[in-house]
PDB file of all heavy atoms in Angstrom:
ATOM      1  N   LEU A   1       0.826  -1.201   0.000  1.00  0.00           N
ATOM      2  CA  LEU A   1       0.000   0.000   0.000  1.00  0.00           C
ATOM      3  C   LEU A   1       0.862   1.253   0.000  1.00  0.00           C
ATOM      4  O   LEU A   1       0.574   2.232  -0.706  1.00  0.00           O
ATOM      5  CB  LEU A   1      -0.920  -0.014   1.230  1.00  0.00           C
ATOM      6  CG  LEU A   1      -1.922   1.129   1.348  1.00  0.00           C
ATOM      7  CD1 LEU A   1      -2.858   1.150   0.155  1.00  0.00           C
ATOM      8  CD2 LEU A   1      -2.723   0.981   2.642  1.00  0.00           C
ATOM      9  N   MET A   2       1.956   1.234   0.775  1.00  0.00           N
ATOM     10  CA  MET A   2       2.853   2.385   0.840  1.00  0.00           C
ATOM     11  C   MET A   2       3.542   2.607  -0.496  1.00  0.00           C
ATOM     12  O   MET A   2       3.734   3.763  -0.914  1.00  0.00           O
ATOM     13  CB  MET A   2       3.887   2.162   1.947  1.00  0.00           C
ATOM     14  CG  MET A   2       4.722   3.393   2.262  1.00  0.00           C
ATOM     15  SD  MET A   2       3.707   4.715   2.964  1.00  0.00           S
ATOM     16  CE  MET A   2       4.887   6.056   3.014  1.00  0.00           C
ATOM     17  N   ARG A   3       3.929   1.563  -1.168  1.00  0.00           N
ATOM     18  CA  ARG A   3       4.577   1.708  -2.472  1.00  0.00           C
ATOM     19  C   ARG A   3       3.631   2.382  -3.467  1.00  0.00           C
ATOM     20  O   ARG A   3       4.020   3.316  -4.189  1.00  0.00           O
ATOM     21  CB  ARG A   3       5.000   0.335  -3.006  1.00  0.00           C
ATOM     22  CG  ARG A   3       5.639   0.385  -4.393  1.00  0.00           C
ATOM     23  CD  ARG A   3       5.957  -1.028  -4.892  1.00  0.00           C
ATOM     24  NE  ARG A   3       6.640  -0.985  -6.185  1.00  0.00           N
ATOM     25  CZ  ARG A   3       6.009  -0.942  -7.356  1.00  0.00           C
ATOM     26  NH1 ARG A   3       4.682  -0.905  -7.405  1.00  0.00           N
ATOM     27  NH2 ARG A   3       6.711  -0.917  -8.491  1.00  0.00           N
ATOM     28  N   THR A   4       2.394   1.907  -3.532  1.00  0.00           N
ATOM     29  CA  THR A   4       1.419   2.495  -4.458  1.00  0.00           C
ATOM     30  C   THR A   4       1.164   3.957  -4.139  1.00  0.00           C
ATOM     31  O   THR A   4       1.122   4.816  -5.033  1.00  0.00           O
ATOM     32  CB  THR A   4       0.091   1.714  -4.392  1.00  0.00           C
ATOM     33  OG1 THR A   4       0.333   0.335  -4.711  1.00  0.00           O
ATOM     34  CG2 THR A   4      -0.927   2.289  -5.354  1.00  0.00           C
ATOM     35  N   SER A   5       1.002   4.253  -2.843  1.00  0.00           N
ATOM     36  CA  SER A   5       0.741   5.631  -2.432  1.00  0.00           C
ATOM     37  C   SER A   5       1.931   6.535  -2.704  1.00  0.00           C
ATOM     38  O   SER A   5       1.784   7.676  -3.159  1.00  0.00           O
ATOM     39  CB  SER A   5       0.391   5.664  -0.942  1.00  0.00           C
ATOM     40  OG  SER A   5       0.069   6.972  -0.522  1.00  0.00           O
ATOM     41  N   MET A   6       3.147   6.028  -2.455  1.00  0.00           N
ATOM     42  CA  MET A   6       4.356   6.817  -2.705  1.00  0.00           C
ATOM     43  C   MET A   6       4.525   7.118  -4.192  1.00  0.00           C
ATOM     44  O   MET A   6       4.906   8.233  -4.573  1.00  0.00           O
ATOM     45  CB  MET A   6       5.585   6.067  -2.198  1.00  0.00           C
ATOM     46  CG  MET A   6       5.896   6.269  -0.734  1.00  0.00           C
ATOM     47  SD  MET A   6       6.461   7.952  -0.339  1.00  0.00           S
ATOM     48  CE  MET A   6       8.043   7.978  -1.189  1.00  0.00           C
ATOM     49  N   LEU A   7       4.256   6.152  -5.048  1.00  0.00           N
ATOM     50  CA  LEU A   7       4.362   6.382  -6.492  1.00  0.00           C
ATOM     51  C   LEU A   7       3.396   7.469  -6.937  1.00  0.00           C
ATOM     52  O   LEU A   7       3.735   8.299  -7.803  1.00  0.00           O
ATOM     53  CB  LEU A   7       4.083   5.078  -7.253  1.00  0.00           C
ATOM     54  CG  LEU A   7       5.162   3.991  -7.143  1.00  0.00           C
ATOM     55  CD1 LEU A   7       4.699   2.715  -7.836  1.00  0.00           C
ATOM     56  CD2 LEU A   7       6.480   4.479  -7.741  1.00  0.00           C
ATOM     57  N   ASP A   8       2.214   7.490  -6.345  1.00  0.00           N
ATOM     58  CA  ASP A   8       1.240   8.531  -6.676  1.00  0.00           C
ATOM     59  C   ASP A   8       1.723   9.899  -6.212  1.00  0.00           C
ATOM     60  O   ASP A   8       1.629  10.893  -6.944  1.00  0.00           O
ATOM     61  CB  ASP A   8      -0.111   8.189  -6.041  1.00  0.00           C
ATOM     62  CG  ASP A   8      -1.164   9.241  -6.334  1.00  0.00           C
ATOM     63  OD1 ASP A   8      -1.495   9.452  -7.513  1.00  0.00           O
ATOM     64  OD2 ASP A   8      -1.655   9.871  -5.362  1.00  0.00           O
ATOM     65  N   VAL A   9       2.251   9.967  -4.993  1.00  0.00           N
ATOM     66  CA  VAL A   9       2.727  11.244  -4.446  1.00  0.00           C
ATOM     67  C   VAL A   9       3.939  11.756  -5.225  1.00  0.00           C
ATOM     68  O   VAL A   9       4.041  12.949  -5.528  1.00  0.00           O
ATOM     69  CB  VAL A   9       3.069  11.089  -2.951  1.00  0.00           C
ATOM     70  CG1 VAL A   9       3.800  12.335  -2.433  1.00  0.00           C
ATOM     71  CG2 VAL A   9       1.810  10.853  -2.139  1.00  0.00           C
ATOM     72  N   LEU A  10       4.847  10.863  -5.563  1.00  0.00           N
ATOM     73  CA  LEU A  10       6.064  11.276  -6.269  1.00  0.00           C
ATOM     74  C   LEU A  10       5.776  11.838  -7.664  1.00  0.00           C
ATOM     75  O   LEU A  10       6.619  12.521  -8.248  1.00  0.00           O
ATOM     76  CB  LEU A  10       7.028  10.096  -6.391  1.00  0.00           C
ATOM     77  CG  LEU A  10       7.692   9.640  -5.087  1.00  0.00           C
ATOM     78  CD1 LEU A  10       8.499   8.370  -5.306  1.00  0.00           C
ATOM     79  CD2 LEU A  10       8.588  10.740  -4.512  1.00  0.00           C
ATOM     80  N   SER A  11       4.589  11.541  -8.184  1.00  0.00           N
ATOM     81  CA  SER A  11       4.224  12.067  -9.507  1.00  0.00           C
ATOM     82  C   SER A  11       3.474  13.395  -9.428  1.00  0.00           C
ATOM     83  O   SER A  11       3.116  13.961 -10.463  1.00  0.00           O
ATOM     84  CB  SER A  11       3.362  11.037 -10.254  1.00  0.00           C
ATOM     85  OG  SER A  11       2.110  10.860  -9.602  1.00  0.00           O
ATOM     86  N   GLN A  12       3.238  13.895  -8.207  1.00  0.00           N
ATOM     87  CA  GLN A  12       2.490  15.137  -8.041  1.00  0.00           C
ATOM     88  C   GLN A  12       3.346  16.347  -8.417  1.00  0.00           C
ATOM     89  O   GLN A  12       4.583  16.313  -8.364  1.00  0.00           O
ATOM     90  CB  GLN A  12       2.018  15.270  -6.585  1.00  0.00           C
ATOM     91  CG  GLN A  12       1.058  14.169  -6.149  1.00  0.00           C
ATOM     92  CD  GLN A  12      -0.233  14.165  -6.950  1.00  0.00           C
ATOM     93  OE1 GLN A  12      -0.834  15.206  -7.192  1.00  0.00           O
ATOM     94  NE2 GLN A  12      -0.661  12.970  -7.373  1.00  0.00           N
ATOM     95  N   ASP A  13       2.665  17.450  -8.763  1.00  0.00           N
ATOM     96  CA  ASP A  13       3.348  18.662  -9.215  1.00  0.00           C
ATOM     97  C   ASP A  13       4.234  19.277  -8.137  1.00  0.00           C
ATOM     98  O   ASP A  13       5.314  19.798  -8.432  1.00  0.00           O
ATOM     99  CB  ASP A  13       2.324  19.698  -9.694  1.00  0.00           C
ATOM    100  CG  ASP A  13       1.641  19.275 -10.985  1.00  0.00           C
ATOM    101  OD1 ASP A  13       2.228  18.450 -11.712  1.00  0.00           O
ATOM    102  OD2 ASP A  13       0.529  19.756 -11.267  1.00  0.00           O
ATOM    103  N   TYR A  14       3.780  19.236  -6.872  1.00  0.00           N
ATOM    104  CA  TYR A  14       4.574  19.879  -5.830  1.00  0.00           C
ATOM    105  C   TYR A  14       5.896  19.154  -5.587  1.00  0.00           C
ATOM    106  O   TYR A  14       6.869  19.761  -5.149  1.00  0.00           O
ATOM    107  CB  TYR A  14       3.774  20.015  -4.525  1.00  0.00           C
ATOM    108  CG  TYR A  14       3.440  18.729  -3.826  1.00  0.00           C
ATOM    109  CD1 TYR A  14       4.295  18.174  -2.889  1.00  0.00           C
ATOM    110  CD2 TYR A  14       2.224  18.071  -4.073  1.00  0.00           C
ATOM    111  CE1 TYR A  14       3.983  17.005  -2.228  1.00  0.00           C
ATOM    112  CE2 TYR A  14       1.904  16.905  -3.422  1.00  0.00           C
ATOM    113  CZ  TYR A  14       2.776  16.377  -2.496  1.00  0.00           C
ATOM    114  OH  TYR A  14       2.450  15.210  -1.843  1.00  0.00           O
ATOM    115  N   ILE A  15       5.940  17.844  -5.887  1.00  0.00           N
ATOM    116  CA  ILE A  15       7.206  17.114  -5.789  1.00  0.00           C
ATOM    117  C   ILE A  15       8.132  17.539  -6.926  1.00  0.00           C
ATOM    118  O   ILE A  15       9.346  17.723  -6.732  1.00  0.00           O
ATOM    119  CB  ILE A  15       6.958  15.595  -5.834  1.00  0.00           C
ATOM    120  CG1 ILE A  15       6.113  15.169  -4.615  1.00  0.00           C
ATOM    121  CG2 ILE A  15       8.280  14.841  -5.837  1.00  0.00           C
ATOM    122  CD1 ILE A  15       6.765  15.416  -3.286  1.00  0.00           C
ATOM    123  N   LYS A  16       7.563  17.700  -8.108  1.00  0.00           N
ATOM    124  CA  LYS A  16       8.370  18.174  -9.242  1.00  0.00           C
ATOM    125  C   LYS A  16       8.907  19.583  -8.975  1.00  0.00           C
ATOM    126  O   LYS A  16      10.042  19.906  -9.320  1.00  0.00           O
ATOM    127  CB  LYS A  16       7.528  18.166 -10.514  1.00  0.00           C
ATOM    128  CG  LYS A  16       7.055  16.777 -10.929  1.00  0.00           C
ATOM    129  CD  LYS A  16       6.161  16.842 -12.160  1.00  0.00           C
ATOM    130  CE  LYS A  16       5.659  15.445 -12.543  1.00  0.00           C
ATOM    131  NZ  LYS A  16       4.742  15.495 -13.708  1.00  0.00           N
ATOM    132  N   THR A  17       8.075  20.416  -8.326  1.00  0.00           N
ATOM    133  CA  THR A  17       8.526  21.763  -7.971  1.00  0.00           C
ATOM    134  C   THR A  17       9.674  21.719  -6.971  1.00  0.00           C
ATOM    135  O   THR A  17      10.653  22.468  -7.083  1.00  0.00           O
ATOM    136  CB  THR A  17       7.354  22.574  -7.381  1.00  0.00           C
ATOM    137  OG1 THR A  17       6.290  22.634  -8.332  1.00  0.00           O
ATOM    138  CG2 THR A  17       7.798  23.977  -7.010  1.00  0.00           C
ATOM    139  N   ALA A  18       9.548  20.818  -5.981  1.00  0.00           N
ATOM    140  CA  ALA A  18      10.620  20.675  -4.993  1.00  0.00           C
ATOM    141  C   ALA A  18      11.923  20.231  -5.652  1.00  0.00           C
ATOM    142  O   ALA A  18      13.006  20.715  -5.299  1.00  0.00           O
ATOM    143  CB  ALA A  18      10.193  19.666  -3.920  1.00  0.00           C
ATOM    144  N   LYS A  19      11.819  19.329  -6.633  1.00  0.00           N
ATOM    145  CA  LYS A  19      13.021  18.895  -7.348  1.00  0.00           C
ATOM    146  C   LYS A  19      13.632  20.050  -8.138  1.00  0.00           C
ATOM    147  O   LYS A  19      14.856  20.206  -8.189  1.00  0.00           O
ATOM    148  CB  LYS A  19      12.682  17.741  -8.281  1.00  0.00           C
ATOM    149  CG  LYS A  19      12.320  16.436  -7.570  1.00  0.00           C
ATOM    150  CD  LYS A  19      11.993  15.337  -8.578  1.00  0.00           C
ATOM    151  CE  LYS A  19      11.645  14.035  -7.872  1.00  0.00           C
ATOM    152  NZ  LYS A  19      11.284  12.961  -8.844  1.00  0.00           N
ATOM    153  N   SER A  20      12.766  20.857  -8.760  1.00  0.00           N
ATOM    154  CA  SER A  20      13.267  21.971  -9.562  1.00  0.00           C
ATOM    155  C   SER A  20      13.948  23.037  -8.707  1.00  0.00           C
ATOM    156  O   SER A  20      14.785  23.795  -9.198  1.00  0.00           O
ATOM    157  CB  SER A  20      12.121  22.604 -10.357  1.00  0.00           C
ATOM    158  OG  SER A  20      11.186  23.226  -9.492  1.00  0.00           O
ATOM    159  N   LYS A  21      13.590  23.090  -7.409  1.00  0.00           N
ATOM    160  CA  LYS A  21      14.218  24.048  -6.499  1.00  0.00           C
ATOM    161  C   LYS A  21      15.555  23.555  -5.972  1.00  0.00           C
ATOM    162  O   LYS A  21      16.226  24.263  -5.220  1.00  0.00           O
ATOM    163  CB  LYS A  21      13.283  24.347  -5.327  1.00  0.00           C
ATOM    164  CG  LYS A  21      12.048  25.156  -5.713  1.00  0.00           C
ATOM    165  CD  LYS A  21      11.191  25.471  -4.497  1.00  0.00           C
ATOM    166  CE  LYS A  21       9.986  26.338  -4.876  1.00  0.00           C
ATOM    167  NZ  LYS A  21       9.153  26.646  -3.690  1.00  0.00           N
ATOM    168  N   GLY A  22      15.920  22.337  -6.349  1.00  0.00           N
ATOM    169  CA  GLY A  22      17.227  21.826  -5.962  1.00  0.00           C
ATOM    170  C   GLY A  22      17.274  21.078  -4.650  1.00  0.00           C
ATOM    171  O   GLY A  22      18.363  20.815  -4.132  1.00  0.00           O
ATOM    172  N   LEU A  23      16.110  20.710  -4.087  1.00  0.00           N
ATOM    173  CA  LEU A  23      16.108  19.941  -2.841  1.00  0.00           C
ATOM    174  C   LEU A  23      16.666  18.546  -3.100  1.00  0.00           C
ATOM    175  O   LEU A  23      16.406  17.936  -4.144  1.00  0.00           O
ATOM    176  CB  LEU A  23      14.687  19.842  -2.284  1.00  0.00           C
ATOM    177  CG  LEU A  23      14.016  21.155  -1.857  1.00  0.00           C
ATOM    178  CD1 LEU A  23      12.617  20.877  -1.332  1.00  0.00           C
ATOM    179  CD2 LEU A  23      14.837  21.865  -0.809  1.00  0.00           C
ATOM    180  N   ASN A  24      17.430  18.027  -2.132  1.00  0.00           N
ATOM    181  CA  ASN A  24      17.994  16.699  -2.329  1.00  0.00           C
ATOM    182  C   ASN A  24      16.915  15.630  -2.165  1.00  0.00           C
ATOM    183  O   ASN A  24      15.856  15.864  -1.584  1.00  0.00           O
ATOM    184  CB  ASN A  24      19.159  16.443  -1.366  1.00  0.00           C
ATOM    185  CG  ASN A  24      18.716  16.541   0.091  1.00  0.00           C
ATOM    186  OD1 ASN A  24      17.867  15.789   0.543  1.00  0.00           O
ATOM    187  ND2 ASN A  24      19.313  17.468   0.825  1.00  0.00           N
ATOM    188  N   GLN A  25      17.200  14.441  -2.685  1.00  0.00           N
ATOM    189  CA  GLN A  25      16.190  13.382  -2.716  1.00  0.00           C
ATOM    190  C   GLN A  25      15.735  12.959  -1.327  1.00  0.00           C
ATOM    191  O   GLN A  25      14.550  12.699  -1.100  1.00  0.00           O
ATOM    192  CB  GLN A  25      16.732  12.166  -3.469  1.00  0.00           C
ATOM    193  CG  GLN A  25      15.691  11.076  -3.691  1.00  0.00           C
ATOM    194  CD  GLN A  25      16.248   9.884  -4.423  1.00  0.00           C
ATOM    195  OE1 GLN A  25      17.374   9.467  -4.173  1.00  0.00           O
ATOM    196  NE2 GLN A  25      15.487   9.328  -5.350  1.00  0.00           N
ATOM    197  N   ARG A  26      16.672  12.896  -0.381  1.00  0.00           N
ATOM    198  CA  ARG A  26      16.299  12.483   0.973  1.00  0.00           C
ATOM    199  C   ARG A  26      15.265  13.426   1.571  1.00  0.00           C
ATOM    200  O   ARG A  26      14.291  12.996   2.178  1.00  0.00           O
ATOM    201  CB  ARG A  26      17.545  12.431   1.865  1.00  0.00           C
ATOM    202  CG  ARG A  26      17.246  12.054   3.311  1.00  0.00           C
ATOM    203  CD  ARG A  26      18.509  11.987   4.139  1.00  0.00           C
ATOM    204  NE  ARG A  26      19.420  10.964   3.624  1.00  0.00           N
ATOM    205  CZ  ARG A  26      20.604  10.698   4.161  1.00  0.00           C
ATOM    206  NH1 ARG A  26      21.018  11.400   5.218  1.00  0.00           N
ATOM    207  NH2 ARG A  26      21.373   9.755   3.653  1.00  0.00           N
ATOM    208  N   GLU A  27      15.456  14.733   1.402  1.00  0.00           N
ATOM    209  CA  GLU A  27      14.510  15.711   1.939  1.00  0.00           C
ATOM    210  C   GLU A  27      13.168  15.620   1.229  1.00  0.00           C
ATOM    211  O   GLU A  27      12.114  15.724   1.858  1.00  0.00           O
ATOM    212  CB  GLU A  27      15.086  17.121   1.807  1.00  0.00           C
ATOM    213  CG  GLU A  27      14.256  18.192   2.503  1.00  0.00           C
ATOM    214  CD  GLU A  27      14.929  19.555   2.480  1.00  0.00           C
ATOM    215  OE1 GLU A  27      16.014  19.668   1.868  1.00  0.00           O
ATOM    216  OE2 GLU A  27      14.370  20.490   3.075  1.00  0.00           O
ATOM    217  N   ILE A  28      13.211  15.420  -0.091  1.00  0.00           N
ATOM    218  CA  ILE A  28      11.965  15.303  -0.854  1.00  0.00           C
ATOM    219  C   ILE A  28      11.164  14.079  -0.405  1.00  0.00           C
ATOM    220  O   ILE A  28       9.951  14.149  -0.208  1.00  0.00           O
ATOM    221  CB  ILE A  28      12.268  15.225  -2.367  1.00  0.00           C
ATOM    222  CG1 ILE A  28      12.812  16.556  -2.867  1.00  0.00           C
ATOM    223  CG2 ILE A  28      11.013  14.842  -3.147  1.00  0.00           C
ATOM    224  CD1 ILE A  28      13.276  16.522  -4.305  1.00  0.00           C
ATOM    225  N   VAL A  29      11.872  12.964  -0.226  1.00  0.00           N
ATOM    226  CA  VAL A  29      11.198  11.715   0.128  1.00  0.00           C
ATOM    227  C   VAL A  29      10.636  11.756   1.543  1.00  0.00           C
ATOM    228  O   VAL A  29       9.442  11.523   1.773  1.00  0.00           O
ATOM    229  CB  VAL A  29      12.165  10.522  -0.042  1.00  0.00           C
ATOM    230  CG1 VAL A  29      11.552   9.251   0.564  1.00  0.00           C
ATOM    231  CG2 VAL A  29      12.479  10.302  -1.511  1.00  0.00           C
ATOM    232  N   TRP A  30      11.503  12.071   2.523  1.00  0.00           N
ATOM    233  CA  TRP A  30      11.095  11.930   3.918  1.00  0.00           C
ATOM    234  C   TRP A  30      10.362  13.148   4.461  1.00  0.00           C
ATOM    235  O   TRP A  30       9.580  13.019   5.416  1.00  0.00           O
ATOM    236  CB  TRP A  30      12.311  11.632   4.794  1.00  0.00           C
ATOM    237  CG  TRP A  30      12.927  10.322   4.451  1.00  0.00           C
ATOM    238  CD1 TRP A  30      14.098  10.105   3.787  1.00  0.00           C
ATOM    239  CD2 TRP A  30      12.383   9.024   4.725  1.00  0.00           C
ATOM    240  NE1 TRP A  30      14.320   8.764   3.629  1.00  0.00           N
ATOM    241  CE2 TRP A  30      13.285   8.071   4.195  1.00  0.00           C
ATOM    242  CE3 TRP A  30      11.222   8.582   5.363  1.00  0.00           C
ATOM    243  CZ2 TRP A  30      13.058   6.705   4.294  1.00  0.00           C
ATOM    244  CZ3 TRP A  30      11.001   7.222   5.460  1.00  0.00           C
ATOM    245  CH2 TRP A  30      11.900   6.303   4.933  1.00  0.00           C
ATOM    246  N   ARG A  31      10.569  14.308   3.898  1.00  0.00           N
ATOM    247  CA  ARG A  31       9.911  15.504   4.424  1.00  0.00           C
ATOM    248  C   ARG A  31       8.629  15.844   3.674  1.00  0.00           C
ATOM    249  O   ARG A  31       7.648  16.276   4.293  1.00  0.00           O
ATOM    250  CB  ARG A  31      10.871  16.689   4.365  1.00  0.00           C
ATOM    251  CG  ARG A  31      10.300  17.957   4.984  1.00  0.00           C
ATOM    252  CD  ARG A  31      11.350  19.070   5.012  1.00  0.00           C
ATOM    253  NE  ARG A  31      10.814  20.290   5.582  1.00  0.00           N
ATOM    254  CZ  ARG A  31      11.504  21.423   5.709  1.00  0.00           C
ATOM    255  NH1 ARG A  31      12.779  21.468   5.316  1.00  0.00           N
ATOM    256  NH2 ARG A  31      10.959  22.502   6.236  1.00  0.00           N
ATOM    257  N   HIS A  32       8.619  15.621   2.362  1.00  0.00           N
ATOM    258  CA  HIS A  32       7.479  16.038   1.568  1.00  0.00           C
ATOM    259  C   HIS A  32       6.607  14.888   1.065  1.00  0.00           C
ATOM    260  O   HIS A  32       5.406  15.077   0.849  1.00  0.00           O
ATOM    261  CB  HIS A  32       7.957  16.863   0.358  1.00  0.00           C
ATOM    262  CG  HIS A  32       8.669  18.120   0.720  1.00  0.00           C
ATOM    263  ND1 HIS A  32       8.017  19.259   1.143  1.00  0.00           N
ATOM    264  CD2 HIS A  32       9.993  18.420   0.736  1.00  0.00           C
ATOM    265  CE1 HIS A  32       8.895  20.212   1.397  1.00  0.00           C
ATOM    266  NE2 HIS A  32      10.107  19.728   1.166  1.00  0.00           N
ATOM    267  N   SER A  33       7.178  13.720   0.877  1.00  0.00           N
ATOM    268  CA  SER A  33       6.424  12.624   0.259  1.00  0.00           C
ATOM    269  C   SER A  33       5.810  11.667   1.268  1.00  0.00           C
ATOM    270  O   SER A  33       4.619  11.353   1.194  1.00  0.00           O
ATOM    271  CB  SER A  33       7.341  11.849  -0.702  1.00  0.00           C
ATOM    272  OG  SER A  33       7.856  12.693  -1.699  1.00  0.00           O
ATOM    273  N   VAL A  34       6.627  11.208   2.211  1.00  0.00           N
ATOM    274  CA  VAL A  34       6.176  10.161   3.120  1.00  0.00           C
ATOM    275  C   VAL A  34       4.979  10.606   3.948  1.00  0.00           C
ATOM    276  O   VAL A  34       4.014   9.851   4.126  1.00  0.00           O
ATOM    277  CB  VAL A  34       7.327   9.710   4.048  1.00  0.00           C
ATOM    278  CG1 VAL A  34       6.804   8.773   5.134  1.00  0.00           C
ATOM    279  CG2 VAL A  34       8.411   9.022   3.233  1.00  0.00           C
ATOM    280  N   LYS A  35       5.000  11.846   4.458  1.00  0.00           N
ATOM    281  CA  LYS A  35       3.917  12.283   5.342  1.00  0.00           C
ATOM    282  C   LYS A  35       2.578  12.348   4.618  1.00  0.00           C
ATOM    283  O   LYS A  35       1.521  12.250   5.252  1.00  0.00           O
ATOM    284  CB  LYS A  35       4.255  13.625   5.989  1.00  0.00           C
ATOM    285  CG  LYS A  35       4.223  14.806   5.039  1.00  0.00           C
ATOM    286  CD  LYS A  35       4.466  16.099   5.807  1.00  0.00           C
ATOM    287  CE  LYS A  35       4.368  17.321   4.903  1.00  0.00           C
ATOM    288  NZ  LYS A  35       4.590  18.578   5.654  1.00  0.00           N
ATOM    289  N   ASN A  36       2.590  12.536   3.296  1.00  0.00           N
ATOM    290  CA  ASN A  36       1.354  12.509   2.519  1.00  0.00           C
ATOM    291  C   ASN A  36       1.011  11.103   2.051  1.00  0.00           C
ATOM    292  O   ASN A  36      -0.165  10.723   2.004  1.00  0.00           O
ATOM    293  CB  ASN A  36       1.485  13.436   1.305  1.00  0.00           C
ATOM    294  CG  ASN A  36       1.558  14.893   1.694  1.00  0.00           C
ATOM    295  OD1 ASN A  36       0.798  15.367   2.529  1.00  0.00           O
ATOM    296  ND2 ASN A  36       2.501  15.625   1.106  1.00  0.00           N
ATOM    297  N   ALA A  37       2.022  10.328   1.706  1.00  0.00           N
ATOM    298  CA  ALA A  37       1.788   8.969   1.224  1.00  0.00           C
ATOM    299  C   ALA A  37       1.331   8.036   2.328  1.00  0.00           C
ATOM    300  O   ALA A  37       0.728   6.985   2.053  1.00  0.00           O
ATOM    301  CB  ALA A  37       3.054   8.425   0.574  1.00  0.00           C
ATOM    302  N   ILE A  38       1.602   8.377   3.575  1.00  0.00           N
ATOM    303  CA  ILE A  38       1.301   7.479   4.686  1.00  0.00           C
ATOM    304  C   ILE A  38      -0.182   7.470   5.073  1.00  0.00           C
ATOM    305  O   ILE A  38      -0.639   6.584   5.788  1.00  0.00           O
ATOM    306  CB  ILE A  38       2.165   7.843   5.917  1.00  0.00           C
ATOM    307  CG1 ILE A  38       2.347   6.635   6.820  1.00  0.00           C
ATOM    308  CG2 ILE A  38       1.533   9.011   6.694  1.00  0.00           C
ATOM    309  CD1 ILE A  38       3.320   6.880   7.945  1.00  0.00           C
ATOM    310  N   MET A  39      -0.949   8.449   4.557  1.00  0.00           N
ATOM    311  CA  MET A  39      -2.346   8.552   4.945  1.00  0.00           C
ATOM    312  C   MET A  39      -3.163   7.288   4.639  1.00  0.00           C
ATOM    313  O   MET A  39      -3.940   6.831   5.483  1.00  0.00           O
ATOM    314  CB  MET A  39      -2.991   9.775   4.289  1.00  0.00           C
ATOM    315  CG  MET A  39      -2.366  11.100   4.677  1.00  0.00           C
ATOM    316  SD  MET A  39      -2.174  11.292   6.469  1.00  0.00           S
ATOM    317  CE  MET A  39      -3.849  11.069   7.015  1.00  0.00           C
ATOM    318  N   PRO A  40      -3.037   6.691   3.446  1.00  0.00           N
ATOM    319  CA  PRO A  40      -3.788   5.450   3.199  1.00  0.00           C
ATOM    320  C   PRO A  40      -3.429   4.330   4.159  1.00  0.00           C
ATOM    321  O   PRO A  40      -4.258   3.472   4.452  1.00  0.00           O
ATOM    322  CB  PRO A  40      -3.403   5.088   1.751  1.00  0.00           C
ATOM    323  CG  PRO A  40      -3.020   6.380   1.131  1.00  0.00           C
ATOM    324  CD  PRO A  40      -2.344   7.152   2.231  1.00  0.00           C
ATOM    325  N   VAL A  41      -2.181   4.325   4.650  1.00  0.00           N
ATOM    326  CA  VAL A  41      -1.773   3.306   5.608  1.00  0.00           C
ATOM    327  C   VAL A  41      -2.525   3.484   6.921  1.00  0.00           C
ATOM    328  O   VAL A  41      -2.939   2.514   7.561  1.00  0.00           O
ATOM    329  CB  VAL A  41      -0.252   3.356   5.843  1.00  0.00           C
ATOM    330  CG1 VAL A  41       0.174   2.355   6.914  1.00  0.00           C
ATOM    331  CG2 VAL A  41       0.493   3.084   4.540  1.00  0.00           C
ATOM    332  N   VAL A  42      -2.726   4.739   7.326  1.00  0.00           N
ATOM    333  CA  VAL A  42      -3.448   5.010   8.565  1.00  0.00           C
ATOM    334  C   VAL A  42      -4.875   4.471   8.493  1.00  0.00           C
ATOM    335  O   VAL A  42      -5.415   3.947   9.473  1.00  0.00           O
ATOM    336  CB  VAL A  42      -3.457   6.522   8.864  1.00  0.00           C
ATOM    337  CG1 VAL A  42      -4.281   6.827  10.107  1.00  0.00           C
ATOM    338  CG2 VAL A  42      -2.032   7.031   9.047  1.00  0.00           C
TER     339      VAL A  42
END
């Protein structure tokens, strides 16, 4: 479930914007993606 949710979040525009601003992958994944992707798990 987390994999499916993460793939959906990683394709969102705000993630692409974060990448374009030069944020590193670790910050994008754990700060911006996981907290939104984890909702279906809850």
